Amino acid sequence: MARRRNRGGPDRLNALLNFLYFLLYVRISGLIRLLGLNPYLGWLHDTEEDYETLVYDMMEPFRPFVDRLCLRIINRRELRATHFDDTTGQFRLVPAAARLVFESFEKAMGERVQGIPLRELLWHQLRTLRALASAKGSLWLFRWDLHKDLTAPPEPQWLTINETG
């Protein structure tokens, strides 16, 4: 059964972080699908809740970018208390603030890291994963079953990503 996730936050900082992580999630999810990869075949995050583990796995290296952008928005005082609605008990960005944060996100995606725009680094990271998955057969991902008895020798699970995703 699918559950709707609350996108707000217990405070303004977490509401802003949640929105920025959502923007990164949407970008990576779309690129993964564009490249024909299976977004549900990840290796770092737990697959029990049936969410797009590969998307979350590929977000990890880019989380510092989001954290830095969040701090920049706060330090430059681009948002005010009036940019948040807390009538539901959770803080959420009002539409005008969401647009402002989205524009900041897109501008930051064009910033260069070692001479390469961040959006290009993201694209190349995912293309590299696809190349690994399709080169000479399959990319084998090794994963321990964390829910089994830890005193017994662990039995690995093998996941493969082939050319069709």
N, C-alpha and C. Protein backbone atom coordinates (compact mmCIF):
# COMPACT_ATOMS: atom_id res chain seq x y z
N MET A 1 0.84 -1.17 0.00
CA MET A 1 0.00 0.00 0.00
C MET A 1 0.89 1.25 0.00
N ALA A 2 0.66 2.12 -0.93
CA ALA A 2 1.46 3.34 -1.01
C ALA A 2 0.98 4.34 0.04
N ARG A 3 1.95 4.98 0.67
CA ARG A 3 1.63 6.02 1.65
C ARG A 3 2.15 7.35 1.13
N ARG A 4 1.36 8.38 1.33
CA ARG A 4 1.79 9.71 0.92
C ARG A 4 2.76 10.26 1.96
N ARG A 5 3.89 10.72 1.50
CA ARG A 5 4.92 11.26 2.39
C ARG A 5 4.67 12.74 2.62
N ASN A 6 4.82 13.18 3.86
CA ASN A 6 4.67 14.58 4.18
C ASN A 6 5.91 15.33 3.72
N ARG A 7 5.76 16.31 2.88
CA ARG A 7 6.89 17.06 2.34
C ARG A 7 7.26 18.27 3.19
N GLY A 8 6.52 18.53 4.24
CA GLY A 8 6.84 19.66 5.10
C GLY A 8 7.99 19.31 6.03
N GLY A 9 8.16 20.11 7.05
CA GLY A 9 9.21 19.87 8.03
C GLY A 9 8.79 20.40 9.38
N PRO A 10 9.44 19.91 10.44
CA PRO A 10 9.08 20.37 11.78
C PRO A 10 9.52 21.81 12.05
N ASP A 11 10.39 22.32 11.19
CA ASP A 11 10.84 23.71 11.30
C ASP A 11 11.17 24.22 9.90
N ARG A 12 11.47 25.50 9.81
CA ARG A 12 11.72 26.11 8.49
C ARG A 12 12.95 25.53 7.80
N LEU A 13 14.00 25.27 8.56
CA LEU A 13 15.23 24.72 7.98
C LEU A 13 14.95 23.36 7.34
N ASN A 14 14.28 22.48 8.04
CA ASN A 14 13.99 21.15 7.48
C ASN A 14 13.01 21.22 6.33
N ALA A 15 12.08 22.16 6.36
CA ALA A 15 11.17 22.33 5.23
C ALA A 15 11.95 22.73 3.98
N LEU A 16 12.91 23.64 4.15
CA LEU A 16 13.75 24.06 3.01
C LEU A 16 14.62 22.91 2.52
N LEU A 17 15.26 22.20 3.44
CA LEU A 17 16.08 21.05 3.04
C LEU A 17 15.25 19.99 2.32
N ASN A 18 14.06 19.68 2.85
CA ASN A 18 13.20 18.68 2.22
C ASN A 18 12.85 19.08 0.79
N PHE A 19 12.54 20.35 0.59
CA PHE A 19 12.19 20.80 -0.76
C PHE A 19 13.38 20.71 -1.70
N LEU A 20 14.56 21.12 -1.23
CA LEU A 20 15.76 21.03 -2.07
C LEU A 20 16.12 19.58 -2.39
N TYR A 21 16.00 18.68 -1.42
CA TYR A 21 16.25 17.26 -1.68
C TYR A 21 15.23 16.71 -2.67
N PHE A 22 14.00 17.19 -2.58
CA PHE A 22 12.97 16.77 -3.53
C PHE A 22 13.35 17.20 -4.95
N LEU A 23 13.86 18.41 -5.11
CA LEU A 23 14.28 18.88 -6.44
C LEU A 23 15.41 18.01 -6.99
N LEU A 24 16.37 17.66 -6.14
CA LEU A 24 17.46 16.78 -6.56
C LEU A 24 16.92 15.39 -6.91
N TYR A 25 16.00 14.88 -6.10
CA TYR A 25 15.39 13.58 -6.33
C TYR A 25 14.71 13.53 -7.71
N VAL A 26 13.91 14.54 -8.00
CA VAL A 26 13.18 14.58 -9.28
C VAL A 26 14.16 14.60 -10.45
N ARG A 27 15.23 15.39 -10.32
CA ARG A 27 16.22 15.49 -11.40
C ARG A 27 16.87 14.13 -11.64
N ILE A 28 17.32 13.49 -10.57
CA ILE A 28 18.02 12.20 -10.72
C ILE A 28 17.06 11.12 -11.20
N SER A 29 15.86 11.09 -10.68
CA SER A 29 14.88 10.09 -11.09
C SER A 29 14.60 10.18 -12.59
N GLY A 30 14.43 11.39 -13.09
CA GLY A 30 14.19 11.57 -14.52
C GLY A 30 15.36 11.13 -15.37
N LEU A 31 16.57 11.46 -14.93
CA LEU A 31 17.76 11.07 -15.69
C LEU A 31 17.96 9.55 -15.68
N ILE A 32 17.69 8.92 -14.55
CA ILE A 32 17.82 7.46 -14.47
C ILE A 32 16.87 6.79 -15.45
N ARG A 33 15.65 7.28 -15.51
CA ARG A 33 14.67 6.72 -16.45
C ARG A 33 15.07 7.01 -17.89
N LEU A 34 15.58 8.21 -18.13
CA LEU A 34 16.03 8.57 -19.48
C LEU A 34 17.12 7.64 -19.97
N LEU A 35 18.00 7.22 -19.06
CA LEU A 35 19.10 6.32 -19.41
C LEU A 35 18.69 4.85 -19.43
N GLY A 36 17.44 4.56 -19.13
CA GLY A 36 16.96 3.18 -19.20
C GLY A 36 17.36 2.32 -18.02
N LEU A 37 17.74 2.94 -16.90
CA LEU A 37 18.09 2.18 -15.71
C LEU A 37 16.85 1.96 -14.84
N ASN A 38 16.90 0.94 -14.04
CA ASN A 38 15.79 0.63 -13.14
C ASN A 38 15.98 1.41 -11.85
N PRO A 39 15.11 2.37 -11.55
CA PRO A 39 15.29 3.20 -10.35
C PRO A 39 15.11 2.43 -9.04
N TYR A 40 14.56 1.23 -9.11
CA TYR A 40 14.31 0.44 -7.89
C TYR A 40 15.47 -0.50 -7.56
N LEU A 41 16.48 -0.58 -8.42
CA LEU A 41 17.62 -1.46 -8.17
C LEU A 41 18.81 -0.67 -7.63
N GLY A 42 18.79 -0.40 -6.37
CA GLY A 42 19.90 0.30 -5.73
C GLY A 42 20.66 -0.66 -4.85
N TRP A 43 21.65 -0.16 -4.17
CA TRP A 43 22.44 -1.04 -3.32
C TRP A 43 22.74 -0.46 -1.94
N LEU A 44 22.60 0.83 -1.73
CA LEU A 44 22.89 1.42 -0.43
C LEU A 44 21.68 1.48 0.49
N HIS A 45 20.54 1.77 -0.06
CA HIS A 45 19.33 1.96 0.74
C HIS A 45 18.48 0.69 0.77
N ASP A 46 17.75 0.52 1.84
CA ASP A 46 16.91 -0.64 2.05
C ASP A 46 15.75 -0.65 1.06
N THR A 47 15.46 -1.81 0.49
CA THR A 47 14.42 -1.91 -0.53
C THR A 47 13.08 -2.35 0.03
N GLU A 48 12.96 -2.54 1.34
CA GLU A 48 11.72 -3.06 1.90
C GLU A 48 10.51 -2.18 1.66
N GLU A 49 10.68 -0.88 1.65
CA GLU A 49 9.54 0.01 1.50
C GLU A 49 9.19 0.29 0.05
N ASP A 50 9.82 -0.41 -0.87
CA ASP A 50 9.52 -0.30 -2.29
C ASP A 50 9.61 1.13 -2.80
N TYR A 51 10.75 1.76 -2.54
CA TYR A 51 10.98 3.08 -3.11
C TYR A 51 12.20 3.04 -4.02
N GLU A 52 12.42 4.10 -4.73
CA GLU A 52 13.44 4.14 -5.77
C GLU A 52 14.83 4.21 -5.16
N THR A 53 15.36 3.07 -4.78
CA THR A 53 16.63 3.04 -4.06
C THR A 53 17.80 3.54 -4.90
N LEU A 54 17.80 3.29 -6.20
CA LEU A 54 18.90 3.78 -7.03
C LEU A 54 18.92 5.30 -7.05
N VAL A 55 17.76 5.92 -7.06
CA VAL A 55 17.70 7.38 -7.02
C VAL A 55 18.33 7.89 -5.73
N TYR A 56 17.94 7.30 -4.61
CA TYR A 56 18.50 7.72 -3.32
C TYR A 56 19.99 7.42 -3.24
N ASP A 57 20.41 6.30 -3.80
CA ASP A 57 21.84 5.98 -3.81
C ASP A 57 22.63 7.03 -4.59
N MET A 58 22.11 7.43 -5.73
CA MET A 58 22.82 8.39 -6.57
C MET A 58 22.72 9.81 -6.03
N MET A 59 21.78 10.06 -5.14
CA MET A 59 21.68 11.37 -4.50
C MET A 59 22.80 11.60 -3.48
N GLU A 60 23.30 10.54 -2.88
CA GLU A 60 24.25 10.67 -1.77
C GLU A 60 25.45 11.57 -2.08
N PRO A 61 26.13 11.40 -3.21
CA PRO A 61 27.29 12.27 -3.46
C PRO A 61 26.93 13.74 -3.65
N PHE A 62 25.65 14.02 -3.94
CA PHE A 62 25.23 15.39 -4.23
C PHE A 62 24.53 16.06 -3.04
N ARG A 63 24.39 15.36 -1.94
CA ARG A 63 23.75 15.94 -0.75
C ARG A 63 24.52 17.16 -0.22
N PRO A 64 25.85 17.14 -0.20
CA PRO A 64 26.56 18.35 0.27
C PRO A 64 26.24 19.58 -0.57
N PHE A 65 26.00 19.39 -1.87
CA PHE A 65 25.59 20.50 -2.73
C PHE A 65 24.29 21.11 -2.23
N VAL A 66 23.33 20.26 -1.90
CA VAL A 66 22.03 20.73 -1.41
C VAL A 66 22.19 21.42 -0.06
N ASP A 67 22.98 20.82 0.82
CA ASP A 67 23.20 21.42 2.13
C ASP A 67 23.84 22.80 2.00
N ARG A 68 24.82 22.91 1.12
CA ARG A 68 25.50 24.19 0.91
C ARG A 68 24.54 25.23 0.34
N LEU A 69 23.71 24.81 -0.61
CA LEU A 69 22.73 25.73 -1.19
C LEU A 69 21.73 26.20 -0.13
N CYS A 70 21.30 25.29 0.72
CA CYS A 70 20.37 25.64 1.79
C CYS A 70 20.98 26.71 2.69
N LEU A 71 22.22 26.51 3.10
CA LEU A 71 22.90 27.49 3.96
C LEU A 71 23.09 28.83 3.25
N ARG A 72 23.37 28.78 1.95
CA ARG A 72 23.52 30.01 1.18
C ARG A 72 22.22 30.80 1.16
N ILE A 73 21.11 30.12 0.92
CA ILE A 73 19.81 30.79 0.89
C ILE A 73 19.50 31.43 2.25
N ILE A 74 19.82 30.71 3.32
CA ILE A 74 19.58 31.24 4.67
C ILE A 74 20.50 32.41 4.97
N ASN A 75 21.79 32.25 4.70
CA ASN A 75 22.76 33.30 5.01
C ASN A 75 22.52 34.58 4.20
N ARG A 76 22.02 34.44 3.01
CA ARG A 76 21.73 35.62 2.19
C ARG A 76 20.34 36.19 2.49
N ARG A 77 19.64 35.55 3.40
CA ARG A 77 18.30 36.00 3.84
C ARG A 77 17.34 36.14 2.66
N GLU A 78 17.39 35.14 1.78
CA GLU A 78 16.51 35.15 0.62
C GLU A 78 15.09 34.73 1.01
N LEU A 79 14.96 34.06 2.13
CA LEU A 79 13.65 33.64 2.62
C LEU A 79 13.34 34.33 3.95
N ARG A 80 12.09 34.59 4.17
CA ARG A 80 11.60 35.20 5.41
C ARG A 80 10.60 34.24 6.06
N ALA A 81 10.22 34.56 7.27
CA ALA A 81 9.23 33.73 7.98
C ALA A 81 7.92 33.66 7.20
N THR A 82 7.60 34.74 6.48
CA THR A 82 6.35 34.77 5.71
C THR A 82 6.38 33.85 4.49
N HIS A 83 7.55 33.34 4.15
CA HIS A 83 7.67 32.41 3.02
C HIS A 83 7.25 30.99 3.40
N PHE A 84 6.87 30.78 4.64
CA PHE A 84 6.50 29.45 5.12
C PHE A 84 5.08 29.48 5.67
N ASP A 85 4.35 28.41 5.40
CA ASP A 85 3.00 28.23 5.92
C ASP A 85 3.06 27.09 6.93
N ASP A 86 2.55 27.32 8.13
CA ASP A 86 2.56 26.26 9.15
C ASP A 86 1.17 25.97 9.68
N THR A 87 0.15 26.23 8.87
CA THR A 87 -1.23 26.03 9.33
C THR A 87 -1.56 24.55 9.56
N THR A 88 -0.82 23.65 8.95
CA THR A 88 -1.09 22.21 9.11
C THR A 88 -0.26 21.59 10.24
N GLY A 89 0.56 22.41 10.90
CA GLY A 89 1.44 21.88 11.94
C GLY A 89 2.82 21.53 11.41
N GLN A 90 2.98 21.54 10.11
CA GLN A 90 4.27 21.32 9.43
C GLN A 90 4.57 22.57 8.62
N PHE A 91 5.82 22.95 8.57
CA PHE A 91 6.21 24.11 7.77
C PHE A 91 6.33 23.69 6.31
N ARG A 92 5.74 24.50 5.44
CA ARG A 92 5.81 24.28 4.00
C ARG A 92 6.09 25.61 3.32
N LEU A 93 6.82 25.56 2.23
CA LEU A 93 7.08 26.77 1.46
C LEU A 93 5.81 27.21 0.75
N VAL A 94 5.53 28.50 0.76
CA VAL A 94 4.41 29.02 -0.03
C VAL A 94 4.86 29.02 -1.49
N PRO A 95 3.92 29.06 -2.44
CA PRO A 95 4.31 28.96 -3.86
C PRO A 95 5.36 29.96 -4.32
N ALA A 96 5.27 31.20 -3.89
CA ALA A 96 6.27 32.20 -4.31
C ALA A 96 7.66 31.83 -3.80
N ALA A 97 7.74 31.31 -2.58
CA ALA A 97 9.03 30.90 -2.02
C ALA A 97 9.55 29.66 -2.73
N ALA A 98 8.66 28.73 -3.05
CA ALA A 98 9.07 27.52 -3.77
C ALA A 98 9.67 27.89 -5.12
N ARG A 99 9.07 28.86 -5.79
CA ARG A 99 9.60 29.33 -7.08
C ARG A 99 10.99 29.95 -6.89
N LEU A 100 11.17 30.76 -5.85
CA LEU A 100 12.46 31.38 -5.57
C LEU A 100 13.52 30.31 -5.29
N VAL A 101 13.17 29.30 -4.50
CA VAL A 101 14.12 28.23 -4.17
C VAL A 101 14.44 27.40 -5.42
N PHE A 102 13.43 27.13 -6.23
CA PHE A 102 13.66 26.40 -7.48
C PHE A 102 14.63 27.15 -8.39
N GLU A 103 14.45 28.45 -8.51
CA GLU A 103 15.35 29.25 -9.34
C GLU A 103 16.77 29.23 -8.78
N SER A 104 16.91 29.28 -7.46
CA SER A 104 18.23 29.18 -6.84
C SER A 104 18.86 27.82 -7.11
N PHE A 105 18.03 26.77 -7.06
CA PHE A 105 18.51 25.41 -7.33
C PHE A 105 19.03 25.30 -8.76
N GLU A 106 18.25 25.80 -9.71
CA GLU A 106 18.65 25.72 -11.11
C GLU A 106 19.91 26.53 -11.38
N LYS A 107 20.02 27.69 -10.76
CA LYS A 107 21.22 28.50 -10.92
C LYS A 107 22.43 27.76 -10.35
N ALA A 108 22.26 27.16 -9.19
CA ALA A 108 23.36 26.42 -8.55
C ALA A 108 23.76 25.19 -9.36
N MET A 109 22.81 24.58 -10.07
CA MET A 109 23.15 23.42 -10.91
C MET A 109 24.10 23.81 -12.04
N GLY A 110 24.16 25.09 -12.38
CA GLY A 110 25.07 25.57 -13.41
C GLY A 110 26.44 25.94 -12.87
N GLU A 111 26.59 25.95 -11.54
CA GLU A 111 27.89 26.27 -10.96
C GLU A 111 28.91 25.21 -11.32
N ARG A 112 30.13 25.65 -11.51
CA ARG A 112 31.18 24.74 -11.94
C ARG A 112 31.92 24.13 -10.76
N VAL A 113 32.13 22.83 -10.86
CA VAL A 113 32.94 22.09 -9.91
C VAL A 113 34.10 21.52 -10.71
N GLN A 114 35.30 21.96 -10.39
CA GLN A 114 36.50 21.60 -11.15
C GLN A 114 36.29 21.85 -12.65
N GLY A 115 35.64 22.97 -12.94
CA GLY A 115 35.47 23.40 -14.33
C GLY A 115 34.27 22.82 -15.05
N ILE A 116 33.50 21.98 -14.39
CA ILE A 116 32.36 21.32 -15.04
C ILE A 116 31.08 21.72 -14.30
N PRO A 117 30.05 22.15 -15.03
CA PRO A 117 28.79 22.49 -14.36
C PRO A 117 28.23 21.28 -13.58
N LEU A 118 27.67 21.56 -12.44
CA LEU A 118 27.17 20.50 -11.57
C LEU A 118 26.15 19.61 -12.27
N ARG A 119 25.28 20.20 -13.09
CA ARG A 119 24.28 19.37 -13.81
C ARG A 119 24.96 18.39 -14.75
N GLU A 120 26.12 18.80 -15.32
CA GLU A 120 26.88 17.89 -16.18
C GLU A 120 27.54 16.78 -15.38
N LEU A 121 28.04 17.11 -14.20
CA LEU A 121 28.62 16.08 -13.33
C LEU A 121 27.59 15.03 -12.98
N LEU A 122 26.39 15.47 -12.69
CA LEU A 122 25.30 14.55 -12.36
C LEU A 122 25.00 13.64 -13.55
N TRP A 123 24.89 14.23 -14.72
CA TRP A 123 24.64 13.46 -15.95
C TRP A 123 25.76 12.45 -16.20
N HIS A 124 27.01 12.87 -16.06
CA HIS A 124 28.14 11.96 -16.30
C HIS A 124 28.20 10.85 -15.25
N GLN A 125 27.85 11.17 -14.01
CA GLN A 125 27.82 10.14 -12.96
C GLN A 125 26.84 9.03 -13.33
N LEU A 126 25.67 9.42 -13.79
CA LEU A 126 24.65 8.42 -14.15
C LEU A 126 25.02 7.68 -15.44
N ARG A 127 25.63 8.36 -16.39
CA ARG A 127 26.07 7.68 -17.61
C ARG A 127 27.17 6.68 -17.30
N THR A 128 28.03 7.01 -16.34
CA THR A 128 29.09 6.09 -15.92
C THR A 128 28.48 4.85 -15.29
N LEU A 129 27.46 5.03 -14.47
CA LEU A 129 26.77 3.88 -13.87
C LEU A 129 26.15 3.01 -14.96
N ARG A 130 25.53 3.64 -15.93
CA ARG A 130 24.92 2.87 -17.02
C ARG A 130 25.99 2.11 -17.81
N ALA A 131 27.12 2.74 -18.06
CA ALA A 131 28.21 2.08 -18.79
C ALA A 131 28.73 0.89 -17.99
N LEU A 132 28.85 1.04 -16.70
CA LEU A 132 29.28 -0.07 -15.86
C LEU A 132 28.27 -1.21 -15.89
N ALA A 133 27.00 -0.84 -15.90
CA ALA A 133 25.95 -1.86 -15.88
C ALA A 133 25.85 -2.62 -17.19
N SER A 134 26.23 -1.98 -18.29
CA SER A 134 26.04 -2.64 -19.59
C SER A 134 27.34 -3.15 -20.21
N ALA A 135 28.48 -2.83 -19.64
CA ALA A 135 29.75 -3.26 -20.22
C ALA A 135 29.98 -4.75 -19.99
N LYS A 136 30.17 -5.49 -21.07
CA LYS A 136 30.49 -6.91 -21.00
C LYS A 136 29.56 -7.68 -20.07
N GLY A 137 28.28 -7.52 -20.27
CA GLY A 137 27.33 -8.27 -19.45
C GLY A 137 26.66 -7.39 -18.42
N SER A 138 26.79 -7.77 -17.17
CA SER A 138 26.04 -7.11 -16.12
C SER A 138 26.96 -6.52 -15.06
N LEU A 139 26.45 -5.54 -14.38
CA LEU A 139 27.10 -5.00 -13.19
C LEU A 139 26.52 -5.77 -12.01
N TRP A 140 27.38 -6.43 -11.26
CA TRP A 140 26.93 -7.21 -10.12
C TRP A 140 27.05 -6.37 -8.86
N LEU A 141 25.97 -6.27 -8.14
CA LEU A 141 25.95 -5.53 -6.90
C LEU A 141 25.80 -6.52 -5.75
N PHE A 142 26.69 -6.44 -4.80
CA PHE A 142 26.70 -7.35 -3.68
C PHE A 142 26.03 -6.67 -2.50
N ARG A 143 25.11 -7.38 -1.84
CA ARG A 143 24.38 -6.78 -0.73
C ARG A 143 24.12 -7.82 0.34
N TRP A 144 24.40 -7.45 1.58
CA TRP A 144 24.10 -8.33 2.70
C TRP A 144 22.65 -8.17 3.10
N ASP A 145 22.04 -9.25 3.56
CA ASP A 145 20.69 -9.18 4.11
C ASP A 145 20.82 -8.81 5.57
N LEU A 146 20.50 -7.58 5.90
CA LEU A 146 20.70 -7.07 7.24
C LEU A 146 19.71 -7.60 8.26
N HIS A 147 18.67 -8.28 7.82
CA HIS A 147 17.63 -8.73 8.73
C HIS A 147 17.82 -10.17 9.21
N LYS A 148 18.88 -10.79 8.79
CA LYS A 148 19.16 -12.16 9.22
C LYS A 148 20.02 -12.14 10.47
N ASP A 149 20.13 -13.26 11.10
CA ASP A 149 20.94 -13.41 12.31
C ASP A 149 22.39 -13.03 12.02
N LEU A 150 22.91 -12.05 12.77
CA LEU A 150 24.26 -11.56 12.52
C LEU A 150 25.34 -12.51 13.02
N THR A 151 24.97 -13.49 13.87
CA THR A 151 25.98 -14.43 14.36
C THR A 151 26.25 -15.53 13.34
N ALA A 152 25.30 -15.77 12.45
CA ALA A 152 25.48 -16.77 11.39
C ALA A 152 26.22 -16.12 10.23
N PRO A 153 26.98 -16.91 9.47
CA PRO A 153 27.65 -16.33 8.29
C PRO A 153 26.61 -15.74 7.34
N PRO A 154 26.80 -14.52 6.89
CA PRO A 154 25.82 -13.89 6.01
C PRO A 154 25.80 -14.52 4.63
N GLU A 155 24.60 -14.57 4.07
CA GLU A 155 24.45 -15.05 2.70
C GLU A 155 24.20 -13.84 1.81
N PRO A 156 25.02 -13.64 0.79
CA PRO A 156 24.87 -12.45 -0.05
C PRO A 156 23.68 -12.58 -0.99
N GLN A 157 23.18 -11.43 -1.40
CA GLN A 157 22.19 -11.35 -2.46
C GLN A 157 22.90 -10.72 -3.66
N TRP A 158 22.64 -11.25 -4.83
CA TRP A 158 23.26 -10.68 -6.02
C TRP A 158 22.19 -10.01 -6.84
N LEU A 159 22.43 -8.75 -7.16
CA LEU A 159 21.53 -7.98 -7.99
C LEU A 159 22.27 -7.64 -9.27
N THR A 160 21.57 -7.67 -10.39
CA THR A 160 22.23 -7.31 -11.63
C THR A 160 21.43 -6.21 -12.32
N ILE A 161 22.14 -5.39 -13.06
CA ILE A 161 21.52 -4.40 -13.91
C ILE A 161 22.03 -4.70 -15.31
N ASN A 162 21.13 -5.05 -16.20
CA ASN A 162 21.60 -5.34 -17.54
C ASN A 162 21.28 -4.18 -18.49
N GLU A 163 21.54 -4.35 -19.74
CA GLU A 163 21.38 -3.27 -20.69
C GLU A 163 19.96 -2.74 -20.78
N THR A 164 18.96 -3.57 -20.46
CA THR A 164 17.59 -3.12 -20.56
C THR A 164 17.13 -2.43 -19.29
N GLY A 165 18.02 -2.31 -18.28
CA GLY A 165 17.65 -1.62 -17.04
C GLY A 165 17.10 -2.58 -16.07
